[in-house]
Amino acid sequence: MRLSMKVEYHPGDRGEFIKVIPEKCTACGQCALFCARGVWARQGDIFRPSRLEDCAECGACWNVCAPDAIEFGEPRGGTGVRFSYG
């Protein structure tokens, strides 16, 4: 029997838990390259989250950002990703 993982979101006010520091962003695009959910997009001279509602909160973008241009926090309101198998 093969199990598959499902990603579901607990509803609520997620708030802004990923912030970009424009002065530090070099527009290298690593955040977009490593984001499995397609959250990141180029906006002008920098990259920003454009589909925050699709974020799985994995932190990959934060981990690959060499110039430390991403601040990754906790979603407020008890929201967040939930994984289940089935």
PDB file of N, CA and C in Angstrom:
ATOM      1  N   MET A   1       0.834  -1.177   0.000  1.00  0.00           N
ATOM      2  CA  MET A   1       0.000   0.000   0.000  1.00  0.00           C
ATOM      3  C   MET A   1       0.882   1.244   0.000  1.00  0.00           C
ATOM      4  N   ARG A   2       0.596   2.138  -0.887  1.00  0.00           N
ATOM      5  CA  ARG A   2       1.382   3.360  -1.006  1.00  0.00           C
ATOM      6  C   ARG A   2       0.632   4.520  -0.363  1.00  0.00           C
ATOM      7  N   LEU A   3       1.311   5.236   0.518  1.00  0.00           N
ATOM      8  CA  LEU A   3       0.723   6.398   1.173  1.00  0.00           C
ATOM      9  C   LEU A   3       1.184   7.662   0.475  1.00  0.00           C
ATOM     10  N   SER A   4       0.317   8.617   0.399  1.00  0.00           N
ATOM     11  CA  SER A   4       0.706   9.914  -0.157  1.00  0.00           C
ATOM     12  C   SER A   4       0.498  10.986   0.905  1.00  0.00           C
ATOM     13  N   MET A   5       1.354  11.983   0.865  1.00  0.00           N
ATOM     14  CA  MET A   5       1.257  13.060   1.837  1.00  0.00           C
ATOM     15  C   MET A   5       0.369  14.164   1.283  1.00  0.00           C
ATOM     16  N   LYS A   6      -0.496  14.675   2.117  1.00  0.00           N
ATOM     17  CA  LYS A   6      -1.367  15.785   1.751  1.00  0.00           C
ATOM     18  C   LYS A   6      -0.978  16.996   2.584  1.00  0.00           C
ATOM     19  N   VAL A   7      -1.076  18.159   1.964  1.00  0.00           N
ATOM     20  CA  VAL A   7      -0.806  19.410   2.662  1.00  0.00           C
ATOM     21  C   VAL A   7      -2.114  20.177   2.734  1.00  0.00           C
ATOM     22  N   GLU A   8      -2.504  20.507   3.938  1.00  0.00           N
ATOM     23  CA  GLU A   8      -3.719  21.284   4.137  1.00  0.00           C
ATOM     24  C   GLU A   8      -3.377  22.475   5.023  1.00  0.00           C
ATOM     25  N   TYR A   9      -4.181  23.500   4.952  1.00  0.00           N
ATOM     26  CA  TYR A   9      -3.938  24.706   5.727  1.00  0.00           C
ATOM     27  C   TYR A   9      -5.031  24.909   6.760  1.00  0.00           C
ATOM     28  N   HIS A  10      -4.617  25.278   7.938  1.00  0.00           N
ATOM     29  CA  HIS A  10      -5.565  25.666   8.975  1.00  0.00           C
ATOM     30  C   HIS A  10      -5.987  27.089   8.665  1.00  0.00           C
ATOM     31  N   PRO A  11      -7.291  27.358   8.520  1.00  0.00           N
ATOM     32  CA  PRO A  11      -7.730  28.694   8.128  1.00  0.00           C
ATOM     33  C   PRO A  11      -7.489  29.726   9.226  1.00  0.00           C
ATOM     34  N   GLY A  12      -7.446  30.950   8.838  1.00  0.00           N
ATOM     35  CA  GLY A  12      -7.276  32.042   9.794  1.00  0.00           C
ATOM     36  C   GLY A  12      -6.436  33.147   9.193  1.00  0.00           C
ATOM     37  N   ASP A  13      -6.163  34.134   9.984  1.00  0.00           N
ATOM     38  CA  ASP A  13      -5.382  35.280   9.546  1.00  0.00           C
ATOM     39  C   ASP A  13      -3.909  34.940   9.637  1.00  0.00           C
ATOM     40  N   ARG A  14      -3.285  34.684   8.503  1.00  0.00           N
ATOM     41  CA  ARG A  14      -1.874  34.280   8.489  1.00  0.00           C
ATOM     42  C   ARG A  14      -0.961  35.470   8.721  1.00  0.00           C
ATOM     43  N   GLY A  15      -1.385  36.636   8.318  1.00  0.00           N
ATOM     44  CA  GLY A  15      -0.529  37.800   8.464  1.00  0.00           C
ATOM     45  C   GLY A  15       0.661  37.732   7.524  1.00  0.00           C
ATOM     46  N   GLU A  16       1.533  38.687   7.630  1.00  0.00           N
ATOM     47  CA  GLU A  16       2.720  38.718   6.795  1.00  0.00           C
ATOM     48  C   GLU A  16       3.872  38.099   7.577  1.00  0.00           C
ATOM     49  N   PHE A  17       4.196  36.847   7.275  1.00  0.00           N
ATOM     50  CA  PHE A  17       5.238  36.160   8.008  1.00  0.00           C
ATOM     51  C   PHE A  17       6.529  36.009   7.205  1.00  0.00           C
ATOM     52  N   ILE A  18       6.506  36.420   5.946  1.00  0.00           N
ATOM     53  CA  ILE A  18       7.721  36.466   5.131  1.00  0.00           C
ATOM     54  C   ILE A  18       7.881  37.913   4.671  1.00  0.00           C
ATOM     55  N   LYS A  19       9.003  38.497   5.015  1.00  0.00           N
ATOM     56  CA  LYS A  19       9.281  39.865   4.596  1.00  0.00           C
ATOM     57  C   LYS A  19      10.609  39.900   3.858  1.00  0.00           C
ATOM     58  N   VAL A  20      10.678  40.755   2.863  1.00  0.00           N
ATOM     59  CA  VAL A  20      11.907  40.943   2.099  1.00  0.00           C
ATOM     60  C   VAL A  20      12.476  42.309   2.463  1.00  0.00           C
ATOM     61  N   ILE A  21      13.773  42.342   2.714  1.00  0.00           N
ATOM     62  CA  ILE A  21      14.463  43.598   2.954  1.00  0.00           C
ATOM     63  C   ILE A  21      15.015  44.050   1.605  1.00  0.00           C
ATOM     64  N   PRO A  22      14.337  45.010   0.967  1.00  0.00           N
ATOM     65  CA  PRO A  22      14.702  45.393  -0.409  1.00  0.00           C
ATOM     66  C   PRO A  22      16.165  45.787  -0.580  1.00  0.00           C
ATOM     67  N   GLU A  23      16.738  46.440   0.417  1.00  0.00           N
ATOM     68  CA  GLU A  23      18.125  46.894   0.314  1.00  0.00           C
ATOM     69  C   GLU A  23      19.114  45.732   0.255  1.00  0.00           C
ATOM     70  N   LYS A  24      18.719  44.573   0.759  1.00  0.00           N
ATOM     71  CA  LYS A  24      19.608  43.415   0.772  1.00  0.00           C
ATOM     72  C   LYS A  24      19.378  42.463  -0.408  1.00  0.00           C
ATOM     73  N   CYS A  25      18.211  42.517  -1.013  1.00  0.00           N
ATOM     74  CA  CYS A  25      17.881  41.591  -2.102  1.00  0.00           C
ATOM     75  C   CYS A  25      18.732  41.895  -3.336  1.00  0.00           C
ATOM     76  N   THR A  26      19.440  40.875  -3.810  1.00  0.00           N
ATOM     77  CA  THR A  26      20.282  41.012  -5.003  1.00  0.00           C
ATOM     78  C   THR A  26      19.578  40.515  -6.265  1.00  0.00           C
ATOM     79  N   ALA A  27      18.328  40.094  -6.133  1.00  0.00           N
ATOM     80  CA  ALA A  27      17.532  39.568  -7.251  1.00  0.00           C
ATOM     81  C   ALA A  27      18.170  38.339  -7.887  1.00  0.00           C
ATOM     82  N   CYS A  28      18.834  37.520  -7.072  1.00  0.00           N
ATOM     83  CA  CYS A  28      19.468  36.302  -7.591  1.00  0.00           C
ATOM     84  C   CYS A  28      18.425  35.254  -7.987  1.00  0.00           C
ATOM     85  N   GLY A  29      17.243  35.288  -7.366  1.00  0.00           N
ATOM     86  CA  GLY A  29      16.169  34.370  -7.722  1.00  0.00           C
ATOM     87  C   GLY A  29      16.233  33.004  -7.060  1.00  0.00           C
ATOM     88  N   GLN A  30      17.163  32.808  -6.129  1.00  0.00           N
ATOM     89  CA  GLN A  30      17.270  31.511  -5.457  1.00  0.00           C
ATOM     90  C   GLN A  30      15.987  31.192  -4.684  1.00  0.00           C
ATOM     91  N   CYS A  31      15.353  32.197  -4.108  1.00  0.00           N
ATOM     92  CA  CYS A  31      14.101  31.975  -3.370  1.00  0.00           C
ATOM     93  C   CYS A  31      13.047  31.361  -4.292  1.00  0.00           C
ATOM     94  N   ALA A  32      12.919  31.904  -5.486  1.00  0.00           N
ATOM     95  CA  ALA A  32      11.941  31.396  -6.450  1.00  0.00           C
ATOM     96  C   ALA A  32      12.337  30.022  -6.975  1.00  0.00           C
ATOM     97  N   LEU A  33      13.614  29.818  -7.188  1.00  0.00           N
ATOM     98  CA  LEU A  33      14.111  28.545  -7.712  1.00  0.00           C
ATOM     99  C   LEU A  33      13.850  27.394  -6.742  1.00  0.00           C
ATOM    100  N   PHE A  34      14.037  27.630  -5.450  1.00  0.00           N
ATOM    101  CA  PHE A  34      13.898  26.571  -4.459  1.00  0.00           C
ATOM    102  C   PHE A  34      12.492  26.445  -3.889  1.00  0.00           C
ATOM    103  N   CYS A  35      11.600  27.372  -4.184  1.00  0.00           N
ATOM    104  CA  CYS A  35      10.230  27.312  -3.660  1.00  0.00           C
ATOM    105  C   CYS A  35       9.409  26.301  -4.452  1.00  0.00           C
ATOM    106  N   ALA A  36       9.013  25.226  -3.787  1.00  0.00           N
ATOM    107  CA  ALA A  36       8.240  24.169  -4.445  1.00  0.00           C
ATOM    108  C   ALA A  36       6.794  24.573  -4.699  1.00  0.00           C
ATOM    109  N   ARG A  37       6.339  25.649  -4.087  1.00  0.00           N
ATOM    110  CA  ARG A  37       4.942  26.063  -4.210  1.00  0.00           C
ATOM    111  C   ARG A  37       4.744  27.274  -5.117  1.00  0.00           C
ATOM    112  N   GLY A  38       5.809  27.805  -5.713  1.00  0.00           N
ATOM    113  CA  GLY A  38       5.680  28.925  -6.647  1.00  0.00           C
ATOM    114  C   GLY A  38       5.242  30.219  -6.004  1.00  0.00           C
ATOM    115  N   VAL A  39       5.659  30.444  -4.781  1.00  0.00           N
ATOM    116  CA  VAL A  39       5.234  31.631  -4.027  1.00  0.00           C
ATOM    117  C   VAL A  39       5.941  32.903  -4.507  1.00  0.00           C
ATOM    118  N   TRP A  40       7.177  32.786  -4.958  1.00  0.00           N
ATOM    119  CA  TRP A  40       8.021  33.938  -5.257  1.00  0.00           C
ATOM    120  C   TRP A  40       7.948  34.376  -6.707  1.00  0.00           C
ATOM    121  N   ALA A  41       8.050  35.704  -6.925  1.00  0.00           N
ATOM    122  CA  ALA A  41       8.072  36.271  -8.276  1.00  0.00           C
ATOM    123  C   ALA A  41       8.907  37.548  -8.263  1.00  0.00           C
ATOM    124  N   ARG A  42       9.513  37.818  -9.384  1.00  0.00           N
ATOM    125  CA  ARG A  42      10.262  39.067  -9.514  1.00  0.00           C
ATOM    126  C   ARG A  42       9.281  40.221  -9.611  1.00  0.00           C
ATOM    127  N   GLN A  43       9.519  41.241  -8.813  1.00  0.00           N
ATOM    128  CA  GLN A  43       8.696  42.455  -8.838  1.00  0.00           C
ATOM    129  C   GLN A  43       9.644  43.644  -8.906  1.00  0.00           C
ATOM    130  N   GLY A  44       9.814  44.155 -10.102  1.00  0.00           N
ATOM    131  CA  GLY A  44      10.769  45.241 -10.296  1.00  0.00           C
ATOM    132  C   GLY A  44      12.195  44.727 -10.183  1.00  0.00           C
ATOM    133  N   ASP A  45      12.951  45.313  -9.278  1.00  0.00           N
ATOM    134  CA  ASP A  45      14.362  44.963  -9.124  1.00  0.00           C
ATOM    135  C   ASP A  45      14.621  43.880  -8.088  1.00  0.00           C
ATOM    136  N   ILE A  46      13.583  43.375  -7.430  1.00  0.00           N
ATOM    137  CA  ILE A  46      13.769  42.372  -6.379  1.00  0.00           C
ATOM    138  C   ILE A  46      12.734  41.261  -6.500  1.00  0.00           C
ATOM    139  N   PHE A  47      12.913  40.220  -5.711  1.00  0.00           N
ATOM    140  CA  PHE A  47      11.936  39.137  -5.621  1.00  0.00           C
ATOM    141  C   PHE A  47      11.117  39.326  -4.349  1.00  0.00           C
ATOM    142  N   ARG A  48       9.825  39.038  -4.456  1.00  0.00           N
ATOM    143  CA  ARG A  48       8.910  39.129  -3.317  1.00  0.00           C
ATOM    144  C   ARG A  48       7.930  37.960  -3.381  1.00  0.00           C
ATOM    145  N   PRO A  49       7.354  37.590  -2.224  1.00  0.00           N
ATOM    146  CA  PRO A  49       6.296  36.579  -2.269  1.00  0.00           C
ATOM    147  C   PRO A  49       5.065  37.176  -2.946  1.00  0.00           C
ATOM    148  N   SER A  50       4.597  36.528  -3.987  1.00  0.00           N
ATOM    149  CA  SER A  50       3.428  37.036  -4.712  1.00  0.00           C
ATOM    150  C   SER A  50       2.189  36.181  -4.456  1.00  0.00           C
ATOM    151  N   ARG A  51       2.397  34.962  -3.928  1.00  0.00           N
ATOM    152  CA  ARG A  51       1.271  34.061  -3.628  1.00  0.00           C
ATOM    153  C   ARG A  51       1.473  33.494  -2.217  1.00  0.00           C
ATOM    154  N   LEU A  52       1.459  34.374  -1.237  1.00  0.00           N
ATOM    155  CA  LEU A  52       1.722  33.987   0.143  1.00  0.00           C
ATOM    156  C   LEU A  52       0.745  32.925   0.646  1.00  0.00           C
ATOM    157  N   GLU A  53      -0.468  32.937   0.108  1.00  0.00           N
ATOM    158  CA  GLU A  53      -1.469  31.959   0.537  1.00  0.00           C
ATOM    159  C   GLU A  53      -1.093  30.528   0.148  1.00  0.00           C
ATOM    160  N   ASP A  54      -0.158  30.364  -0.788  1.00  0.00           N
ATOM    161  CA  ASP A  54       0.294  29.035  -1.209  1.00  0.00           C
ATOM    162  C   ASP A  54       1.532  28.553  -0.452  1.00  0.00           C
ATOM    163  N   CYS A  55       2.066  29.389   0.430  1.00  0.00           N
ATOM    164  CA  CYS A  55       3.299  29.054   1.141  1.00  0.00           C
ATOM    165  C   CYS A  55       3.087  27.868   2.074  1.00  0.00           C
ATOM    166  N   ALA A  56       3.998  26.896   2.025  1.00  0.00           N
ATOM    167  CA  ALA A  56       3.954  25.723   2.897  1.00  0.00           C
ATOM    168  C   ALA A  56       4.768  25.933   4.168  1.00  0.00           C
ATOM    169  N   GLU A  57       5.336  27.141   4.321  1.00  0.00           N
ATOM    170  CA  GLU A  57       6.097  27.506   5.520  1.00  0.00           C
ATOM    171  C   GLU A  57       7.286  26.581   5.762  1.00  0.00           C
ATOM    172  N   CYS A  58       7.926  26.127   4.693  1.00  0.00           N
ATOM    173  CA  CYS A  58       9.050  25.195   4.820  1.00  0.00           C
ATOM    174  C   CYS A  58      10.361  25.897   5.139  1.00  0.00           C
ATOM    175  N   GLY A  59      10.474  27.168   4.796  1.00  0.00           N
ATOM    176  CA  GLY A  59      11.676  27.931   5.083  1.00  0.00           C
ATOM    177  C   GLY A  59      12.778  27.781   4.050  1.00  0.00           C
ATOM    178  N   ALA A  60      12.515  27.103   2.941  1.00  0.00           N
ATOM    179  CA  ALA A  60      13.542  26.909   1.913  1.00  0.00           C
ATOM    180  C   ALA A  60      14.051  28.253   1.394  1.00  0.00           C
ATOM    181  N   CYS A  61      13.159  29.193   1.156  1.00  0.00           N
ATOM    182  CA  CYS A  61      13.548  30.507   0.639  1.00  0.00           C
ATOM    183  C   CYS A  61      14.501  31.205   1.604  1.00  0.00           C
ATOM    184  N   TRP A  62      14.183  31.145   2.860  1.00  0.00           N
ATOM    185  CA  TRP A  62      14.995  31.772   3.905  1.00  0.00           C
ATOM    186  C   TRP A  62      16.367  31.107   3.996  1.00  0.00           C
ATOM    187  N   ASN A  63      16.402  29.796   3.862  1.00  0.00           N
ATOM    188  CA  ASN A  63      17.655  29.054   3.965  1.00  0.00           C
ATOM    189  C   ASN A  63      18.605  29.285   2.789  1.00  0.00           C
ATOM    190  N   VAL A  64      18.080  29.539   1.593  1.00  0.00           N
ATOM    191  CA  VAL A  64      18.946  29.708   0.427  1.00  0.00           C
ATOM    192  C   VAL A  64      19.289  31.169   0.137  1.00  0.00           C
ATOM    193  N   CYS A  65      18.726  32.084   0.886  1.00  0.00           N
ATOM    194  CA  CYS A  65      18.967  33.512   0.649  1.00  0.00           C
ATOM    195  C   CYS A  65      20.314  33.910   1.243  1.00  0.00           C
ATOM    196  N   ALA A  66      21.339  33.951   0.394  1.00  0.00           N
ATOM    197  CA  ALA A  66      22.702  34.256   0.841  1.00  0.00           C
ATOM    198  C   ALA A  66      22.855  35.658   1.428  1.00  0.00           C
ATOM    199  N   PRO A  67      22.211  36.691   0.864  1.00  0.00           N
ATOM    200  CA  PRO A  67      22.397  38.031   1.436  1.00  0.00           C
ATOM    201  C   PRO A  67      21.485  38.321   2.642  1.00  0.00           C
ATOM    202  N   ASP A  68      20.809  37.297   3.157  1.00  0.00           N
ATOM    203  CA  ASP A  68      19.898  37.468   4.309  1.00  0.00           C
ATOM    204  C   ASP A  68      18.847  38.550   4.075  1.00  0.00           C
ATOM    205  N   ALA A  69      18.258  38.540   2.891  1.00  0.00           N
ATOM    206  CA  ALA A  69      17.245  39.531   2.548  1.00  0.00           C
ATOM    207  C   ALA A  69      15.842  39.102   2.951  1.00  0.00           C
ATOM    208  N   ILE A  70      15.700  37.877   3.457  1.00  0.00           N
ATOM    209  CA  ILE A  70      14.380  37.361   3.834  1.00  0.00           C
ATOM    210  C   ILE A  70      14.296  37.214   5.339  1.00  0.00           C
ATOM    211  N   GLU A  71      13.234  37.774   5.898  1.00  0.00           N
ATOM    212  CA  GLU A  71      12.917  37.571   7.308  1.00  0.00           C
ATOM    213  C   GLU A  71      11.722  36.627   7.355  1.00  0.00           C
ATOM    214  N   PHE A  72      11.887  35.509   8.029  1.00  0.00           N
ATOM    215  CA  PHE A  72      10.859  34.476   8.093  1.00  0.00           C
ATOM    216  C   PHE A  72      10.371  34.387   9.535  1.00  0.00           C
ATOM    217  N   GLY A  73       9.088  34.629   9.756  1.00  0.00           N
ATOM    218  CA  GLY A  73       8.523  34.593  11.099  1.00  0.00           C
ATOM    219  C   GLY A  73       7.443  33.541  11.230  1.00  0.00           C
ATOM    220  N   GLU A  74       6.673  33.655  12.264  1.00  0.00           N
ATOM    221  CA  GLU A  74       5.583  32.721  12.526  1.00  0.00           C
ATOM    222  C   GLU A  74       4.251  33.333  12.088  1.00  0.00           C
ATOM    223  N   PRO A  75       3.403  32.570  11.419  1.00  0.00           N
ATOM    224  CA  PRO A  75       2.073  33.074  11.095  1.00  0.00           C
ATOM    225  C   PRO A  75       1.293  33.316  12.387  1.00  0.00           C
ATOM    226  N   ARG A  76       0.525  34.369  12.426  1.00  0.00           N
ATOM    227  CA  ARG A  76      -0.247  34.651  13.636  1.00  0.00           C
ATOM    228  C   ARG A  76      -1.620  33.999  13.532  1.00  0.00           C
ATOM    229  N   GLY A  77      -2.306  33.885  14.644  1.00  0.00           N
ATOM    230  CA  GLY A  77      -3.677  33.389  14.650  1.00  0.00           C
ATOM    231  C   GLY A  77      -3.811  31.877  14.640  1.00  0.00           C
ATOM    232  N   GLY A  78      -2.751  31.151  14.979  1.00  0.00           N
ATOM    233  CA  GLY A  78      -2.850  29.695  15.029  1.00  0.00           C
ATOM    234  C   GLY A  78      -3.009  29.049  13.668  1.00  0.00           C
ATOM    235  N   THR A  79      -2.566  29.740  12.648  1.00  0.00           N
ATOM    236  CA  THR A  79      -2.684  29.198  11.297  1.00  0.00           C
ATOM    237  C   THR A  79      -1.428  28.434  10.935  1.00  0.00           C
ATOM    238  N   GLY A  80      -1.473  27.768   9.826  1.00  0.00           N
ATOM    239  CA  GLY A  80      -0.272  27.107   9.357  1.00  0.00           C
ATOM    240  C   GLY A  80      -0.548  25.847   8.590  1.00  0.00           C
ATOM    241  N   VAL A  81       0.515  25.288   8.097  1.00  0.00           N
ATOM    242  CA  VAL A  81       0.425  24.099   7.279  1.00  0.00           C
ATOM    243  C   VAL A  81       0.253  22.864   8.169  1.00  0.00           C
ATOM    244  N   ARG A  82      -0.513  21.893   7.666  1.00  0.00           N
ATOM    245  CA  ARG A  82      -0.692  20.624   8.343  1.00  0.00           C
ATOM    246  C   ARG A  82      -0.479  19.519   7.335  1.00  0.00           C
ATOM    247  N   PHE A  83       0.316  18.545   7.727  1.00  0.00           N
ATOM    248  CA  PHE A  83       0.597  17.419   6.852  1.00  0.00           C
ATOM    249  C   PHE A  83      -0.192  16.197   7.337  1.00  0.00           C
ATOM    250  N   SER A  84      -0.722  15.440   6.404  1.00  0.00           N
ATOM    251  CA  SER A  84      -1.408  14.208   6.759  1.00  0.00           C
ATOM    252  C   SER A  84      -1.089  13.153   5.709  1.00  0.00           C
ATOM    253  N   TYR A  85      -1.234  11.908   6.083  1.00  0.00           N
ATOM    254  CA  TYR A  85      -0.970  10.793   5.174  1.00  0.00           C
ATOM    255  C   TYR A  85      -2.267  10.053   4.900  1.00  0.00           C
ATOM    256  N   GLY A  86      -2.399   9.617   3.693  1.00  0.00           N
ATOM    257  CA  GLY A  86      -3.594   8.866   3.392  1.00  0.00           C
ATOM    258  C   GLY A  86      -3.677   8.455   1.962  1.00  0.00           C
TER     259      GLY A  86
END
